[in-house]
Amino acid sequence: MTNTTHETNTISVEHVTIRSENSFDIVKAKLENSVPRIDDGIFTLLRYGESVRALKELEALPPLSIFGFRDHGAALTVAGLKRRAIQYDIGNPLTATKMTRHQLSAALYAPIRVLLREDVNGEVGFEFDRPVSTFGQFGNSQVDNIARQLDKDLQAALDAAAL
């Protein structure tokens, strides 16, 4: 029998909602046009040990990229509901490594999950947990400094898409 230990910590997280007067389709298009999809070729380079070449590629990336997305609205059709909701994974691999080199557990929150949703009243908005609050649980000043910049970059990108 293996001995295991469990540790539980309670953290405070700041949840942000950015509302838009634009339609879901307009906000989605603005986000996807301003925050590009990440080129998965970077991860292929890393898998094959091409870290110097991958670093050059990572340094050329914009501050934020979309790693992936899930259509939660489509999933709700199994419950007989018709909703529009897309969960995006948004971040920057180089930014993530700048944090995880100081606190590996920061990888739990990188990339950041962002929800674009249209509520039952037709109101469109983004929702996310502020990076500075999620990463702040580690009490690491290097991670906190990077998370503050990530906060600014994410807020600016989502505000621009919501306008």
N, C-alpha and C. Protein backbone atom coordinates (compact mmCIF):
# COMPACT_ATOMS: atom_id res chain seq x y z
N MET A 1 0.84 -1.18 0.00
CA MET A 1 0.00 0.00 0.00
C MET A 1 0.89 1.25 0.00
N THR A 2 0.53 2.19 -0.82
CA THR A 2 1.30 3.42 -0.93
C THR A 2 0.74 4.47 0.01
N ASN A 3 1.62 5.14 0.70
CA ASN A 3 1.19 6.24 1.57
C ASN A 3 1.10 7.51 0.74
N THR A 4 0.01 8.21 0.90
CA THR A 4 -0.17 9.49 0.21
C THR A 4 -0.56 10.54 1.23
N THR A 5 -0.25 11.77 0.88
CA THR A 5 -0.69 12.89 1.71
C THR A 5 -1.44 13.86 0.82
N HIS A 6 -2.37 14.55 1.41
CA HIS A 6 -3.16 15.54 0.69
C HIS A 6 -3.05 16.85 1.43
N GLU A 7 -2.91 17.89 0.68
CA GLU A 7 -2.87 19.23 1.26
C GLU A 7 -3.90 20.07 0.52
N THR A 8 -4.69 20.80 1.25
CA THR A 8 -5.70 21.66 0.65
C THR A 8 -5.50 23.08 1.13
N ASN A 9 -5.52 24.01 0.18
CA ASN A 9 -5.40 25.43 0.49
C ASN A 9 -6.58 26.16 -0.13
N THR A 10 -7.08 27.13 0.57
CA THR A 10 -8.15 27.97 0.03
C THR A 10 -7.52 29.26 -0.47
N ILE A 11 -7.88 29.63 -1.69
CA ILE A 11 -7.33 30.86 -2.27
C ILE A 11 -8.48 31.78 -2.68
N SER A 12 -8.17 33.05 -2.76
CA SER A 12 -9.12 34.05 -3.22
C SER A 12 -8.79 34.37 -4.67
N VAL A 13 -9.79 34.30 -5.53
CA VAL A 13 -9.59 34.55 -6.95
C VAL A 13 -10.51 35.69 -7.39
N GLU A 14 -9.96 36.61 -8.17
CA GLU A 14 -10.75 37.70 -8.72
C GLU A 14 -11.31 37.28 -10.06
N HIS A 15 -12.63 37.26 -10.17
CA HIS A 15 -13.31 36.87 -11.40
C HIS A 15 -13.73 38.15 -12.12
N VAL A 16 -13.41 38.24 -13.39
CA VAL A 16 -13.68 39.44 -14.18
C VAL A 16 -14.71 39.13 -15.25
N THR A 17 -15.67 40.03 -15.42
CA THR A 17 -16.62 39.96 -16.53
C THR A 17 -16.50 41.25 -17.32
N ILE A 18 -16.30 41.12 -18.62
CA ILE A 18 -16.25 42.27 -19.53
C ILE A 18 -17.46 42.14 -20.44
N ARG A 19 -18.37 43.08 -20.33
CA ARG A 19 -19.59 43.05 -21.14
C ARG A 19 -19.40 43.84 -22.43
N SER A 20 -20.09 43.40 -23.46
CA SER A 20 -20.00 44.08 -24.76
C SER A 20 -21.40 44.37 -25.27
N GLU A 21 -21.52 45.47 -25.97
CA GLU A 21 -22.79 45.79 -26.63
C GLU A 21 -22.83 45.21 -28.03
N ASN A 22 -21.72 44.63 -28.48
CA ASN A 22 -21.67 44.00 -29.80
C ASN A 22 -22.25 42.60 -29.75
N SER A 23 -22.53 42.07 -30.94
CA SER A 23 -23.06 40.71 -31.03
C SER A 23 -21.95 39.71 -30.72
N PHE A 24 -22.36 38.51 -30.39
CA PHE A 24 -21.44 37.42 -30.12
C PHE A 24 -20.49 37.22 -31.30
N ASP A 25 -21.05 37.21 -32.52
CA ASP A 25 -20.23 36.97 -33.71
C ASP A 25 -19.19 38.05 -33.92
N ILE A 26 -19.55 39.30 -33.67
CA ILE A 26 -18.60 40.41 -33.83
C ILE A 26 -17.47 40.29 -32.81
N VAL A 27 -17.82 40.04 -31.56
CA VAL A 27 -16.80 39.94 -30.50
C VAL A 27 -15.89 38.74 -30.76
N LYS A 28 -16.46 37.63 -31.16
CA LYS A 28 -15.68 36.43 -31.48
C LYS A 28 -14.70 36.73 -32.61
N ALA A 29 -15.19 37.36 -33.67
CA ALA A 29 -14.33 37.67 -34.82
C ALA A 29 -13.21 38.64 -34.43
N LYS A 30 -13.54 39.64 -33.63
CA LYS A 30 -12.53 40.61 -33.21
C LYS A 30 -11.45 39.93 -32.36
N LEU A 31 -11.86 39.06 -31.45
CA LEU A 31 -10.88 38.34 -30.63
C LEU A 31 -9.98 37.47 -31.51
N GLU A 32 -10.59 36.67 -32.37
CA GLU A 32 -9.83 35.73 -33.17
C GLU A 32 -8.97 36.41 -34.23
N ASN A 33 -9.33 37.63 -34.63
CA ASN A 33 -8.50 38.39 -35.57
C ASN A 33 -7.34 39.08 -34.87
N SER A 34 -7.49 39.41 -33.61
CA SER A 34 -6.45 40.15 -32.90
C SER A 34 -5.53 39.25 -32.07
N VAL A 35 -6.01 38.10 -31.67
CA VAL A 35 -5.19 37.14 -30.91
C VAL A 35 -5.09 35.88 -31.78
N PRO A 36 -3.93 35.70 -32.44
CA PRO A 36 -3.81 34.59 -33.39
C PRO A 36 -3.72 33.22 -32.72
N ARG A 37 -4.05 32.20 -33.49
CA ARG A 37 -3.85 30.82 -33.04
C ARG A 37 -2.34 30.56 -32.99
N ILE A 38 -1.92 29.82 -31.99
CA ILE A 38 -0.50 29.49 -31.86
C ILE A 38 -0.12 28.47 -32.92
N ASP A 39 1.08 28.59 -33.42
CA ASP A 39 1.62 27.63 -34.39
C ASP A 39 2.13 26.42 -33.62
N ASP A 40 1.49 25.29 -33.79
CA ASP A 40 1.88 24.08 -33.07
C ASP A 40 3.26 23.58 -33.45
N GLY A 41 3.84 24.14 -34.51
CA GLY A 41 5.18 23.76 -34.92
C GLY A 41 6.22 24.01 -33.84
N ILE A 42 5.95 25.00 -32.99
CA ILE A 42 6.85 25.29 -31.88
C ILE A 42 6.97 24.08 -30.96
N PHE A 43 5.85 23.44 -30.69
CA PHE A 43 5.85 22.28 -29.79
C PHE A 43 6.52 21.07 -30.44
N THR A 44 6.41 20.99 -31.76
CA THR A 44 7.11 19.93 -32.49
C THR A 44 8.62 20.13 -32.37
N LEU A 45 9.06 21.37 -32.53
CA LEU A 45 10.49 21.66 -32.36
C LEU A 45 10.97 21.24 -30.98
N LEU A 46 10.19 21.56 -29.97
CA LEU A 46 10.58 21.21 -28.59
C LEU A 46 10.63 19.70 -28.39
N ARG A 47 9.66 18.99 -28.95
CA ARG A 47 9.64 17.53 -28.82
C ARG A 47 10.88 16.89 -29.43
N TYR A 48 11.41 17.52 -30.49
CA TYR A 48 12.58 16.97 -31.16
C TYR A 48 13.89 17.62 -30.68
N GLY A 49 13.84 18.29 -29.54
CA GLY A 49 15.05 18.82 -28.94
C GLY A 49 15.61 20.08 -29.59
N GLU A 50 14.83 20.73 -30.41
CA GLU A 50 15.28 21.94 -31.11
C GLU A 50 14.96 23.17 -30.26
N SER A 51 15.50 23.21 -29.04
CA SER A 51 15.12 24.27 -28.11
C SER A 51 15.64 25.64 -28.52
N VAL A 52 16.81 25.73 -29.15
CA VAL A 52 17.32 27.04 -29.58
C VAL A 52 16.43 27.61 -30.67
N ARG A 53 16.08 26.80 -31.63
CA ARG A 53 15.20 27.24 -32.72
C ARG A 53 13.80 27.56 -32.17
N ALA A 54 13.31 26.75 -31.25
CA ALA A 54 12.00 27.00 -30.66
C ALA A 54 11.99 28.32 -29.89
N LEU A 55 13.08 28.61 -29.17
CA LEU A 55 13.16 29.86 -28.42
C LEU A 55 13.07 31.06 -29.36
N LYS A 56 13.74 30.99 -30.49
CA LYS A 56 13.65 32.08 -31.48
C LYS A 56 12.20 32.26 -31.95
N GLU A 57 11.53 31.15 -32.19
CA GLU A 57 10.12 31.21 -32.61
C GLU A 57 9.25 31.79 -31.51
N LEU A 58 9.50 31.37 -30.27
CA LEU A 58 8.71 31.86 -29.13
C LEU A 58 8.91 33.36 -28.92
N GLU A 59 10.14 33.82 -29.08
CA GLU A 59 10.42 35.24 -28.90
C GLU A 59 9.75 36.11 -29.96
N ALA A 60 9.42 35.52 -31.10
CA ALA A 60 8.77 36.27 -32.18
C ALA A 60 7.24 36.29 -32.04
N LEU A 61 6.71 35.55 -31.09
CA LEU A 61 5.26 35.49 -30.92
C LEU A 61 4.71 36.81 -30.38
N PRO A 62 3.44 37.08 -30.66
CA PRO A 62 2.78 38.24 -30.03
C PRO A 62 2.61 37.94 -28.53
N PRO A 63 2.23 38.95 -27.75
CA PRO A 63 2.09 38.74 -26.30
C PRO A 63 1.11 37.62 -25.94
N LEU A 64 0.08 37.43 -26.75
CA LEU A 64 -0.92 36.40 -26.47
C LEU A 64 -1.27 35.64 -27.74
N SER A 65 -1.56 34.35 -27.56
CA SER A 65 -2.03 33.50 -28.65
C SER A 65 -3.16 32.62 -28.12
N ILE A 66 -3.99 32.16 -29.03
CA ILE A 66 -5.04 31.20 -28.69
C ILE A 66 -4.45 29.79 -28.88
N PHE A 67 -4.40 29.04 -27.79
CA PHE A 67 -3.88 27.67 -27.84
C PHE A 67 -4.95 26.70 -28.33
N GLY A 68 -6.18 26.96 -27.99
CA GLY A 68 -7.28 26.08 -28.37
C GLY A 68 -8.58 26.66 -27.88
N PHE A 69 -9.66 25.97 -28.22
CA PHE A 69 -10.98 26.42 -27.77
C PHE A 69 -11.93 25.24 -27.74
N ARG A 70 -12.98 25.39 -26.95
CA ARG A 70 -14.04 24.39 -26.84
C ARG A 70 -15.38 25.10 -26.94
N ASP A 71 -16.27 24.54 -27.73
CA ASP A 71 -17.59 25.13 -27.92
C ASP A 71 -18.54 24.55 -26.87
N HIS A 72 -18.64 25.24 -25.74
CA HIS A 72 -19.52 24.78 -24.67
C HIS A 72 -20.99 24.95 -25.04
N GLY A 73 -21.28 25.93 -25.88
CA GLY A 73 -22.66 26.11 -26.32
C GLY A 73 -23.16 24.89 -27.06
N ALA A 74 -22.34 24.36 -27.95
CA ALA A 74 -22.71 23.15 -28.70
C ALA A 74 -22.93 21.98 -27.75
N ALA A 75 -22.09 21.88 -26.72
CA ALA A 75 -22.22 20.78 -25.76
C ALA A 75 -23.55 20.85 -25.02
N LEU A 76 -24.05 22.07 -24.81
CA LEU A 76 -25.31 22.21 -24.07
C LEU A 76 -26.53 21.71 -24.85
N THR A 77 -26.37 21.45 -26.14
CA THR A 77 -27.50 20.91 -26.90
C THR A 77 -27.93 19.55 -26.37
N VAL A 78 -27.01 18.81 -25.73
CA VAL A 78 -27.40 17.51 -25.17
C VAL A 78 -28.37 17.69 -24.01
N ALA A 79 -28.40 18.89 -23.44
CA ALA A 79 -29.34 19.20 -22.36
C ALA A 79 -30.57 19.92 -22.90
N GLY A 80 -30.68 19.99 -24.25
CA GLY A 80 -31.82 20.65 -24.85
C GLY A 80 -31.73 22.17 -24.83
N LEU A 81 -30.56 22.71 -24.57
CA LEU A 81 -30.39 24.17 -24.49
C LEU A 81 -29.67 24.68 -25.73
N LYS A 82 -30.03 25.88 -26.14
CA LYS A 82 -29.36 26.52 -27.25
C LYS A 82 -28.67 27.77 -26.70
N ARG A 83 -27.36 27.67 -26.50
CA ARG A 83 -26.58 28.78 -25.94
C ARG A 83 -25.32 28.94 -26.76
N ARG A 84 -24.75 30.13 -26.67
CA ARG A 84 -23.49 30.41 -27.34
C ARG A 84 -22.44 30.64 -26.26
N ALA A 85 -21.42 29.80 -26.26
CA ALA A 85 -20.35 29.91 -25.27
C ALA A 85 -19.12 29.17 -25.78
N ILE A 86 -18.01 29.91 -25.88
CA ILE A 86 -16.76 29.32 -26.31
C ILE A 86 -15.71 29.58 -25.24
N GLN A 87 -15.05 28.52 -24.82
CA GLN A 87 -13.97 28.64 -23.85
C GLN A 87 -12.66 28.61 -24.63
N TYR A 88 -11.86 29.66 -24.45
CA TYR A 88 -10.56 29.77 -25.10
C TYR A 88 -9.45 29.54 -24.09
N ASP A 89 -8.35 28.96 -24.56
CA ASP A 89 -7.11 28.89 -23.79
C ASP A 89 -6.19 29.93 -24.43
N ILE A 90 -5.88 30.98 -23.67
CA ILE A 90 -5.11 32.11 -24.20
C ILE A 90 -3.87 32.32 -23.34
N GLY A 91 -2.74 32.48 -23.99
CA GLY A 91 -1.51 32.72 -23.25
C GLY A 91 -0.33 32.85 -24.17
N ASN A 92 0.84 32.61 -23.61
CA ASN A 92 2.09 32.70 -24.34
C ASN A 92 3.04 31.69 -23.70
N PRO A 93 3.55 30.73 -24.47
CA PRO A 93 4.41 29.70 -23.89
C PRO A 93 5.66 30.25 -23.21
N LEU A 94 6.23 31.30 -23.78
CA LEU A 94 7.43 31.88 -23.18
C LEU A 94 7.11 32.52 -21.83
N THR A 95 5.97 33.21 -21.77
CA THR A 95 5.51 33.78 -20.51
C THR A 95 5.30 32.68 -19.48
N ALA A 96 4.69 31.59 -19.91
CA ALA A 96 4.46 30.47 -18.99
C ALA A 96 5.77 29.93 -18.44
N THR A 97 6.78 29.79 -19.30
CA THR A 97 8.04 29.24 -18.80
C THR A 97 8.75 30.22 -17.87
N LYS A 98 8.51 31.50 -18.07
CA LYS A 98 9.11 32.49 -17.16
C LYS A 98 8.53 32.34 -15.75
N MET A 99 7.29 31.86 -15.67
CA MET A 99 6.68 31.63 -14.36
C MET A 99 7.02 30.25 -13.82
N THR A 100 6.88 29.24 -14.66
CA THR A 100 7.05 27.87 -14.17
C THR A 100 8.50 27.55 -13.80
N ARG A 101 9.45 28.30 -14.30
CA ARG A 101 10.84 28.07 -13.87
C ARG A 101 11.01 28.45 -12.40
N HIS A 102 10.14 29.34 -11.91
CA HIS A 102 10.19 29.74 -10.50
C HIS A 102 9.20 28.96 -9.64
N GLN A 103 8.10 28.52 -10.27
CA GLN A 103 7.05 27.79 -9.54
C GLN A 103 6.35 26.86 -10.53
N LEU A 104 6.75 25.62 -10.54
CA LEU A 104 6.22 24.67 -11.52
C LEU A 104 4.70 24.56 -11.47
N SER A 105 4.12 24.69 -10.28
CA SER A 105 2.66 24.59 -10.14
C SER A 105 1.91 25.69 -10.89
N ALA A 106 2.60 26.74 -11.30
CA ALA A 106 1.97 27.79 -12.10
C ALA A 106 1.44 27.23 -13.42
N ALA A 107 1.97 26.09 -13.84
CA ALA A 107 1.51 25.45 -15.07
C ALA A 107 0.02 25.08 -15.00
N LEU A 108 -0.54 25.00 -13.80
CA LEU A 108 -1.98 24.72 -13.65
C LEU A 108 -2.84 25.79 -14.30
N TYR A 109 -2.32 27.02 -14.40
CA TYR A 109 -3.12 28.15 -14.83
C TYR A 109 -2.64 28.77 -16.14
N ALA A 110 -1.70 28.14 -16.80
CA ALA A 110 -1.19 28.66 -18.06
C ALA A 110 -1.41 27.60 -19.14
N PRO A 111 -2.11 27.91 -20.21
CA PRO A 111 -2.70 29.20 -20.55
C PRO A 111 -3.96 29.51 -19.73
N ILE A 112 -4.38 30.75 -19.86
CA ILE A 112 -5.54 31.25 -19.12
C ILE A 112 -6.83 30.81 -19.83
N ARG A 113 -7.81 30.41 -19.07
CA ARG A 113 -9.12 30.09 -19.65
C ARG A 113 -9.97 31.34 -19.69
N VAL A 114 -10.52 31.61 -20.86
CA VAL A 114 -11.39 32.77 -21.07
C VAL A 114 -12.67 32.26 -21.70
N LEU A 115 -13.79 32.67 -21.14
CA LEU A 115 -15.09 32.28 -21.69
C LEU A 115 -15.72 33.46 -22.41
N LEU A 116 -16.08 33.27 -23.67
CA LEU A 116 -16.92 34.22 -24.40
C LEU A 116 -18.30 33.60 -24.40
N ARG A 117 -19.27 34.34 -23.85
CA ARG A 117 -20.61 33.75 -23.74
C ARG A 117 -21.69 34.78 -24.03
N GLU A 118 -22.83 34.24 -24.42
CA GLU A 118 -24.03 35.05 -24.62
C GLU A 118 -25.06 34.49 -23.64
N ASP A 119 -25.51 35.34 -22.72
CA ASP A 119 -26.43 34.82 -21.69
C ASP A 119 -27.86 34.72 -22.24
N VAL A 120 -28.78 34.26 -21.41
CA VAL A 120 -30.16 34.02 -21.85
C VAL A 120 -30.85 35.30 -22.31
N ASN A 121 -30.35 36.45 -21.87
CA ASN A 121 -30.93 37.73 -22.29
C ASN A 121 -30.24 38.29 -23.53
N GLY A 122 -29.30 37.56 -24.09
CA GLY A 122 -28.59 38.00 -25.27
C GLY A 122 -27.38 38.88 -24.98
N GLU A 123 -27.06 39.07 -23.70
CA GLU A 123 -25.89 39.88 -23.35
C GLU A 123 -24.61 39.09 -23.60
N VAL A 124 -23.67 39.74 -24.27
CA VAL A 124 -22.40 39.10 -24.63
C VAL A 124 -21.30 39.58 -23.69
N GLY A 125 -20.44 38.68 -23.32
CA GLY A 125 -19.33 39.09 -22.47
C GLY A 125 -18.25 38.04 -22.36
N PHE A 126 -17.11 38.49 -21.88
CA PHE A 126 -16.01 37.61 -21.55
C PHE A 126 -16.00 37.40 -20.04
N GLU A 127 -15.55 36.22 -19.62
CA GLU A 127 -15.33 35.96 -18.20
C GLU A 127 -13.99 35.24 -18.07
N PHE A 128 -13.25 35.61 -17.02
CA PHE A 128 -11.98 34.95 -16.74
C PHE A 128 -11.58 35.25 -15.30
N ASP A 129 -10.68 34.45 -14.80
CA ASP A 129 -10.10 34.70 -13.48
C ASP A 129 -8.78 35.44 -13.69
N ARG A 130 -8.64 36.56 -12.99
CA ARG A 130 -7.44 37.39 -13.17
C ARG A 130 -6.18 36.57 -12.88
N PRO A 131 -5.26 36.57 -13.84
CA PRO A 131 -4.01 35.83 -13.63
C PRO A 131 -3.28 36.22 -12.35
N VAL A 132 -3.25 37.51 -12.04
CA VAL A 132 -2.50 37.93 -10.86
C VAL A 132 -3.09 37.30 -9.59
N SER A 133 -4.38 37.01 -9.59
CA SER A 133 -4.97 36.39 -8.39
C SER A 133 -4.75 34.88 -8.37
N THR A 134 -4.82 34.22 -9.52
CA THR A 134 -4.60 32.77 -9.51
C THR A 134 -3.13 32.43 -9.28
N PHE A 135 -2.25 33.13 -9.98
CA PHE A 135 -0.82 32.88 -9.79
C PHE A 135 -0.32 33.41 -8.45
N GLY A 136 -1.03 34.38 -7.89
CA GLY A 136 -0.62 34.99 -6.63
C GLY A 136 -0.63 34.04 -5.46
N GLN A 137 -1.35 32.94 -5.57
CA GLN A 137 -1.41 31.97 -4.47
C GLN A 137 -0.05 31.38 -4.13
N PHE A 138 0.90 31.46 -5.06
CA PHE A 138 2.20 30.83 -4.83
C PHE A 138 3.14 31.71 -4.01
N GLY A 139 2.81 32.98 -3.86
CA GLY A 139 3.64 33.87 -3.04
C GLY A 139 5.05 34.03 -3.57
N ASN A 140 5.19 34.03 -4.89
CA ASN A 140 6.50 34.14 -5.51
C ASN A 140 6.58 35.46 -6.27
N SER A 141 7.48 36.34 -5.87
CA SER A 141 7.52 37.68 -6.45
C SER A 141 7.85 37.66 -7.95
N GLN A 142 8.69 36.72 -8.41
CA GLN A 142 8.99 36.64 -9.84
C GLN A 142 7.74 36.26 -10.63
N VAL A 143 6.99 35.30 -10.12
CA VAL A 143 5.75 34.88 -10.77
C VAL A 143 4.74 36.02 -10.74
N ASP A 144 4.64 36.70 -9.61
CA ASP A 144 3.69 37.81 -9.48
C ASP A 144 3.97 38.92 -10.49
N ASN A 145 5.23 39.26 -10.70
CA ASN A 145 5.58 40.31 -11.66
C ASN A 145 5.16 39.94 -13.08
N ILE A 146 5.39 38.70 -13.45
CA ILE A 146 5.01 38.23 -14.78
C ILE A 146 3.49 38.17 -14.90
N ALA A 147 2.82 37.73 -13.85
CA ALA A 147 1.36 37.65 -13.86
C ALA A 147 0.72 39.04 -14.01
N ARG A 148 1.33 40.05 -13.41
CA ARG A 148 0.80 41.41 -13.56
C ARG A 148 0.83 41.86 -15.02
N GLN A 149 1.91 41.55 -15.72
CA GLN A 149 1.98 41.92 -17.14
C GLN A 149 0.98 41.09 -17.95
N LEU A 150 0.83 39.83 -17.62
CA LEU A 150 -0.15 38.97 -18.28
C LEU A 150 -1.55 39.53 -18.08
N ASP A 151 -1.85 39.99 -16.88
CA ASP A 151 -3.13 40.64 -16.59
C ASP A 151 -3.38 41.81 -17.54
N LYS A 152 -2.39 42.67 -17.68
CA LYS A 152 -2.52 43.85 -18.54
C LYS A 152 -2.73 43.45 -20.00
N ASP A 153 -1.94 42.49 -20.47
CA ASP A 153 -2.06 42.05 -21.86
C ASP A 153 -3.42 41.42 -22.14
N LEU A 154 -3.87 40.57 -21.23
CA LEU A 154 -5.16 39.90 -21.41
C LEU A 154 -6.30 40.90 -21.35
N GLN A 155 -6.28 41.78 -20.36
CA GLN A 155 -7.33 42.79 -20.23
C GLN A 155 -7.41 43.65 -21.49
N ALA A 156 -6.26 44.08 -22.00
CA ALA A 156 -6.24 44.93 -23.20
C ALA A 156 -6.81 44.19 -24.41
N ALA A 157 -6.44 42.94 -24.58
CA ALA A 157 -6.93 42.16 -25.73
C ALA A 157 -8.43 41.95 -25.66
N LEU A 158 -8.94 41.64 -24.48
CA LEU A 158 -10.38 41.38 -24.33
C LEU A 158 -11.18 42.66 -24.41
N ASP A 159 -10.66 43.75 -23.83
CA ASP A 159 -11.34 45.04 -23.95
C ASP A 159 -11.46 45.45 -25.41
N ALA A 160 -10.38 45.28 -26.17
CA ALA A 160 -10.39 45.64 -27.58
C ALA A 160 -11.41 44.81 -28.36
N ALA A 161 -11.48 43.52 -28.06
CA ALA A 161 -12.43 42.65 -28.75
C ALA A 161 -13.87 42.96 -28.37
N ALA A 162 -14.09 43.44 -27.16
CA ALA A 162 -15.45 43.73 -26.68
C ALA A 162 -15.96 45.08 -27.19
N LEU A 163 -15.07 45.98 -27.59
CA LEU A 163 -15.49 47.32 -28.06
C LEU A 163 -16.31 47.25 -29.32
